N, C-alpha and C. Protein backbone atom coordinates (compact mmCIF):
# COMPACT_ATOMS: atom_id res chain seq x y z
N MET A 1 65.08 66.76 36.26
CA MET A 1 64.58 67.69 37.26
C MET A 1 64.26 69.01 36.57
N ASP A 2 63.08 69.52 36.76
CA ASP A 2 62.55 70.65 35.98
C ASP A 2 63.35 71.95 36.10
N ASN A 3 63.80 72.30 37.30
CA ASN A 3 64.46 73.59 37.49
C ASN A 3 65.98 73.49 37.55
N CYS A 4 66.52 72.36 37.20
CA CYS A 4 67.97 72.16 37.28
C CYS A 4 68.66 72.73 36.04
N LEU A 5 69.57 73.66 36.26
CA LEU A 5 70.32 74.29 35.17
C LEU A 5 71.05 73.25 34.32
N PHE A 6 71.76 72.32 34.96
CA PHE A 6 72.53 71.35 34.20
C PHE A 6 71.65 70.33 33.50
N CYS A 7 70.50 70.00 34.05
CA CYS A 7 69.55 69.14 33.33
C CYS A 7 69.09 69.83 32.05
N LYS A 8 68.86 71.14 32.13
CA LYS A 8 68.44 71.91 30.94
C LYS A 8 69.56 71.98 29.90
N ILE A 9 70.80 72.12 30.36
CA ILE A 9 71.93 72.12 29.44
C ILE A 9 72.06 70.75 28.79
N ALA A 10 71.95 69.68 29.58
CA ALA A 10 72.07 68.31 29.06
C ALA A 10 70.97 68.01 28.04
N ALA A 11 69.78 68.57 28.25
CA ALA A 11 68.66 68.36 27.34
C ALA A 11 68.75 69.23 26.09
N GLY A 12 69.68 70.18 26.07
CA GLY A 12 69.82 71.07 24.93
C GLY A 12 68.90 72.28 24.99
N ASP A 13 68.21 72.46 26.11
CA ASP A 13 67.32 73.61 26.26
C ASP A 13 68.09 74.91 26.49
N ILE A 14 69.29 74.81 27.04
CA ILE A 14 70.19 75.95 27.24
C ILE A 14 71.46 75.61 26.48
N PRO A 15 71.92 76.52 25.61
CA PRO A 15 73.12 76.22 24.82
C PRO A 15 74.38 76.19 25.68
N SER A 16 75.34 75.41 25.21
CA SER A 16 76.66 75.33 25.86
C SER A 16 77.70 75.08 24.78
N LYS A 17 78.94 75.38 25.12
CA LYS A 17 80.05 75.09 24.22
C LYS A 17 80.55 73.69 24.58
N LYS A 18 80.12 72.71 23.80
CA LYS A 18 80.38 71.31 24.12
C LYS A 18 81.81 70.91 23.77
N ALA A 19 82.37 70.09 24.66
CA ALA A 19 83.67 69.47 24.42
C ALA A 19 83.48 68.00 24.07
N TYR A 20 82.36 67.41 24.56
CA TYR A 20 82.10 65.99 24.35
C TYR A 20 80.65 65.71 24.73
N GLU A 21 80.07 64.70 24.05
CA GLU A 21 78.73 64.26 24.43
C GLU A 21 78.53 62.82 24.00
N ASP A 22 77.89 62.05 24.86
CA ASP A 22 77.43 60.71 24.51
C ASP A 22 76.09 60.47 25.21
N ASP A 23 75.62 59.25 25.22
CA ASP A 23 74.30 58.97 25.81
C ASP A 23 74.27 59.17 27.33
N LEU A 24 75.41 59.09 28.00
CA LEU A 24 75.44 59.14 29.46
C LEU A 24 75.89 60.47 30.05
N CYS A 25 76.74 61.19 29.31
CA CYS A 25 77.29 62.41 29.90
C CYS A 25 77.54 63.49 28.85
N LEU A 26 77.81 64.67 29.37
CA LEU A 26 78.09 65.83 28.55
C LEU A 26 79.27 66.58 29.17
N ALA A 27 80.21 67.01 28.35
CA ALA A 27 81.31 67.87 28.79
C ALA A 27 81.16 69.19 28.06
N PHE A 28 81.25 70.28 28.82
CA PHE A 28 81.13 71.61 28.22
C PHE A 28 82.02 72.59 28.97
N TYR A 29 82.40 73.66 28.26
CA TYR A 29 83.32 74.64 28.82
C TYR A 29 82.58 75.56 29.80
N ASP A 30 83.27 75.87 30.91
CA ASP A 30 82.72 76.72 31.95
C ASP A 30 82.55 78.14 31.42
N ILE A 31 81.45 78.78 31.78
CA ILE A 31 81.20 80.15 31.31
C ILE A 31 82.03 81.19 32.07
N ALA A 32 82.60 80.80 33.21
CA ALA A 32 83.47 81.69 33.98
C ALA A 32 84.74 80.90 34.34
N PRO A 33 85.58 80.64 33.34
CA PRO A 33 86.73 79.76 33.56
C PRO A 33 87.69 80.28 34.63
N GLN A 34 88.19 79.33 35.43
CA GLN A 34 89.14 79.63 36.49
C GLN A 34 90.56 79.21 36.12
N ALA A 35 90.73 78.75 34.89
CA ALA A 35 92.04 78.34 34.37
C ALA A 35 91.96 78.44 32.85
N PRO A 36 93.11 78.46 32.17
CA PRO A 36 93.07 78.52 30.70
C PRO A 36 92.22 77.40 30.07
N VAL A 37 92.25 76.22 30.67
CA VAL A 37 91.36 75.13 30.26
C VAL A 37 90.45 74.85 31.46
N HIS A 38 89.15 74.97 31.26
CA HIS A 38 88.19 74.71 32.34
C HIS A 38 86.89 74.23 31.72
N PHE A 39 86.65 72.93 31.87
CA PHE A 39 85.39 72.38 31.40
C PHE A 39 84.77 71.54 32.49
N LEU A 40 83.48 71.29 32.35
CA LEU A 40 82.74 70.48 33.31
C LEU A 40 82.26 69.22 32.62
N VAL A 41 82.15 68.15 33.38
CA VAL A 41 81.57 66.91 32.87
C VAL A 41 80.44 66.54 33.82
N ILE A 42 79.25 66.33 33.24
CA ILE A 42 78.05 66.04 34.03
C ILE A 42 77.37 64.78 33.50
N PRO A 43 76.71 64.05 34.40
CA PRO A 43 75.86 62.97 33.91
C PRO A 43 74.59 63.58 33.33
N LYS A 44 74.03 62.97 32.31
CA LYS A 44 72.76 63.47 31.76
C LYS A 44 71.61 63.18 32.72
N ALA A 45 71.69 62.08 33.44
CA ALA A 45 70.68 61.78 34.46
C ALA A 45 70.96 62.64 35.68
N HIS A 46 69.91 63.14 36.31
CA HIS A 46 70.10 64.00 37.47
C HIS A 46 70.57 63.21 38.69
N ILE A 47 71.73 63.60 39.19
CA ILE A 47 72.27 63.14 40.47
C ILE A 47 72.68 64.42 41.18
N GLY A 48 72.24 64.62 42.40
CA GLY A 48 72.45 65.89 43.08
C GLY A 48 73.91 66.25 43.35
N SER A 49 74.71 65.28 43.75
CA SER A 49 76.13 65.50 44.05
C SER A 49 76.78 64.15 44.30
N VAL A 50 78.05 64.17 44.64
CA VAL A 50 78.75 62.94 45.00
C VAL A 50 78.04 62.24 46.16
N ALA A 51 77.41 63.02 47.02
CA ALA A 51 76.71 62.46 48.18
C ALA A 51 75.54 61.55 47.78
N GLU A 52 75.08 61.65 46.54
CA GLU A 52 73.97 60.83 46.06
C GLU A 52 74.41 59.67 45.18
N VAL A 53 75.71 59.47 45.04
CA VAL A 53 76.21 58.34 44.24
C VAL A 53 76.01 57.06 45.06
N ASP A 54 75.44 56.05 44.38
CA ASP A 54 75.19 54.77 45.05
C ASP A 54 75.42 53.63 44.06
N ASP A 55 75.12 52.41 44.49
CA ASP A 55 75.34 51.25 43.62
C ASP A 55 74.54 51.32 42.32
N ASP A 56 73.40 51.98 42.35
CA ASP A 56 72.55 52.05 41.16
C ASP A 56 73.04 53.05 40.11
N ASN A 57 73.80 54.07 40.52
CA ASN A 57 74.22 55.10 39.54
C ASN A 57 75.74 55.27 39.45
N SER A 58 76.50 54.46 40.16
CA SER A 58 77.95 54.66 40.18
C SER A 58 78.64 54.36 38.85
N ALA A 59 78.03 53.56 38.01
CA ALA A 59 78.66 53.25 36.71
C ALA A 59 78.82 54.51 35.86
N VAL A 60 77.90 55.45 35.96
CA VAL A 60 78.02 56.68 35.18
C VAL A 60 79.20 57.51 35.67
N VAL A 61 79.52 57.44 36.96
CA VAL A 61 80.67 58.16 37.49
C VAL A 61 81.97 57.56 36.93
N ALA A 62 82.05 56.25 36.90
CA ALA A 62 83.22 55.59 36.30
C ALA A 62 83.34 55.98 34.83
N HIS A 63 82.22 56.03 34.13
CA HIS A 63 82.23 56.43 32.72
C HIS A 63 82.72 57.87 32.58
N ILE A 64 82.27 58.75 33.46
CA ILE A 64 82.70 60.15 33.41
C ILE A 64 84.22 60.25 33.57
N PHE A 65 84.79 59.48 34.50
CA PHE A 65 86.25 59.54 34.67
C PHE A 65 86.98 58.98 33.46
N ALA A 66 86.41 58.00 32.79
CA ALA A 66 87.00 57.52 31.53
C ALA A 66 86.94 58.60 30.46
N VAL A 67 85.84 59.34 30.42
CA VAL A 67 85.70 60.45 29.46
C VAL A 67 86.70 61.55 29.78
N ILE A 68 86.89 61.86 31.07
CA ILE A 68 87.88 62.87 31.45
C ILE A 68 89.27 62.44 30.98
N ALA A 69 89.63 61.19 31.20
CA ALA A 69 90.93 60.70 30.75
C ALA A 69 91.07 60.82 29.24
N LYS A 70 90.03 60.46 28.51
CA LYS A 70 90.05 60.53 27.04
C LYS A 70 90.22 61.98 26.58
N LEU A 71 89.41 62.88 27.13
CA LEU A 71 89.45 64.28 26.69
C LEU A 71 90.78 64.94 27.01
N THR A 72 91.30 64.71 28.20
CA THR A 72 92.56 65.34 28.57
C THR A 72 93.71 64.82 27.71
N LYS A 73 93.67 63.54 27.35
CA LYS A 73 94.69 63.01 26.42
C LYS A 73 94.55 63.67 25.06
N GLU A 74 93.32 63.76 24.55
CA GLU A 74 93.10 64.39 23.25
C GLU A 74 93.53 65.85 23.24
N MET A 75 93.37 66.54 24.37
CA MET A 75 93.74 67.95 24.48
C MET A 75 95.23 68.15 24.78
N GLY A 76 95.94 67.03 25.01
CA GLY A 76 97.36 67.11 25.31
C GLY A 76 97.66 67.64 26.71
N LEU A 77 96.74 67.45 27.64
CA LEU A 77 96.93 67.95 28.99
C LEU A 77 97.67 66.90 29.83
N ALA A 78 98.90 67.19 30.18
CA ALA A 78 99.70 66.25 30.98
C ALA A 78 99.40 66.41 32.47
N SER A 79 98.89 67.58 32.84
CA SER A 79 98.63 67.88 34.24
C SER A 79 97.31 68.63 34.33
N TYR A 80 96.46 68.19 35.25
CA TYR A 80 95.15 68.85 35.41
C TYR A 80 94.57 68.51 36.76
N ARG A 81 93.56 69.26 37.16
CA ARG A 81 92.87 69.02 38.42
C ARG A 81 91.42 68.70 38.13
N VAL A 82 90.87 67.73 38.87
CA VAL A 82 89.45 67.39 38.79
C VAL A 82 88.84 67.71 40.15
N VAL A 83 87.77 68.50 40.14
CA VAL A 83 87.15 68.96 41.39
C VAL A 83 85.64 68.73 41.33
N SER A 84 85.10 68.26 42.45
CA SER A 84 83.65 68.20 42.61
C SER A 84 83.32 68.76 43.99
N ASN A 85 82.52 69.80 44.02
CA ASN A 85 82.09 70.42 45.28
C ASN A 85 80.78 69.78 45.72
N ILE A 86 80.65 69.52 47.01
CA ILE A 86 79.45 68.88 47.55
C ILE A 86 78.88 69.78 48.62
N GLY A 87 77.75 70.41 48.32
CA GLY A 87 77.09 71.30 49.28
C GLY A 87 77.50 72.74 49.11
N GLU A 88 76.62 73.64 49.57
CA GLU A 88 76.84 75.07 49.41
C GLU A 88 78.12 75.57 50.08
N GLN A 89 78.41 75.10 51.30
CA GLN A 89 79.59 75.57 52.01
C GLN A 89 80.88 75.20 51.27
N ALA A 90 80.83 74.12 50.50
CA ALA A 90 82.00 73.70 49.72
C ALA A 90 82.05 74.39 48.36
N GLY A 91 81.03 75.18 48.03
CA GLY A 91 81.04 75.92 46.78
C GLY A 91 80.19 75.33 45.67
N GLN A 92 79.35 74.34 45.98
CA GLN A 92 78.49 73.78 44.95
C GLN A 92 77.35 74.76 44.69
N SER A 93 77.33 75.36 43.51
CA SER A 93 76.31 76.35 43.17
C SER A 93 75.18 75.76 42.32
N VAL A 94 75.42 74.63 41.70
CA VAL A 94 74.38 73.95 40.91
C VAL A 94 74.22 72.55 41.52
N PRO A 95 73.03 72.23 42.02
CA PRO A 95 72.83 70.92 42.68
C PRO A 95 72.62 69.78 41.69
N HIS A 96 73.63 69.55 40.88
CA HIS A 96 73.67 68.47 39.89
C HIS A 96 75.12 68.01 39.87
N LEU A 97 75.37 66.74 40.02
CA LEU A 97 76.73 66.22 40.04
C LEU A 97 77.51 66.75 38.84
N HIS A 98 78.67 67.31 39.11
CA HIS A 98 79.54 67.77 38.03
C HIS A 98 80.98 67.77 38.50
N PHE A 99 81.84 67.57 37.54
CA PHE A 99 83.28 67.55 37.78
C PHE A 99 83.92 68.65 36.96
N HIS A 100 84.62 69.56 37.64
CA HIS A 100 85.39 70.60 36.97
C HIS A 100 86.74 70.00 36.58
N VAL A 101 87.17 70.24 35.37
CA VAL A 101 88.51 69.85 34.93
C VAL A 101 89.24 71.14 34.60
N LEU A 102 90.34 71.39 35.32
CA LEU A 102 91.08 72.63 35.17
C LEU A 102 92.53 72.33 34.82
N SER A 103 93.09 73.13 33.91
CA SER A 103 94.48 72.94 33.50
C SER A 103 95.01 74.22 32.87
N GLY A 104 96.32 74.23 32.65
CA GLY A 104 96.93 75.35 31.94
C GLY A 104 97.55 76.40 32.84
N ARG A 105 97.53 76.17 34.15
CA ARG A 105 98.21 77.06 35.09
C ARG A 105 98.61 76.25 36.31
N ASP A 106 99.49 76.82 37.12
CA ASP A 106 99.87 76.16 38.37
C ASP A 106 98.67 76.14 39.30
N MET A 107 98.42 75.01 39.91
CA MET A 107 97.35 74.86 40.88
C MET A 107 97.98 74.89 42.28
N THR A 108 97.46 75.76 43.13
CA THR A 108 98.00 75.85 44.48
C THR A 108 97.35 74.83 45.39
N TRP A 109 98.04 74.54 46.51
CA TRP A 109 97.47 73.63 47.51
C TRP A 109 97.82 74.18 48.89
N PRO A 110 96.91 74.24 49.80
CA PRO A 110 95.53 73.77 49.63
C PRO A 110 94.71 74.76 48.83
N PRO A 111 93.68 74.26 48.11
CA PRO A 111 92.82 75.15 47.35
C PRO A 111 91.89 75.92 48.29
N GLY A 112 91.45 77.10 47.83
CA GLY A 112 90.44 77.90 48.52
C GLY A 112 90.67 77.99 49.96
């Protein structure tokens, strides 16, 4: 998608501090971290949000969760939160599926 910020980051047109990359997804550190550890994992293919996940693209979501498990183990994170906002009212500011991974502080509940 031409005007999508995360598509541009995935394509390498906008630099990011990468934590992981493969053919299907990219993990990079958030530019405005909300926890001592805060990175995002996105599919390289444009999917607008969780609301657009279907039988044709769900395998990349499973892959992303496997990548999250791998990265958090490598980082030694025993406790972390995974968040995906869907829609503006829920706080989704970039209309590209992404998962925030946050760790390193106590997480309150309910959030926000």
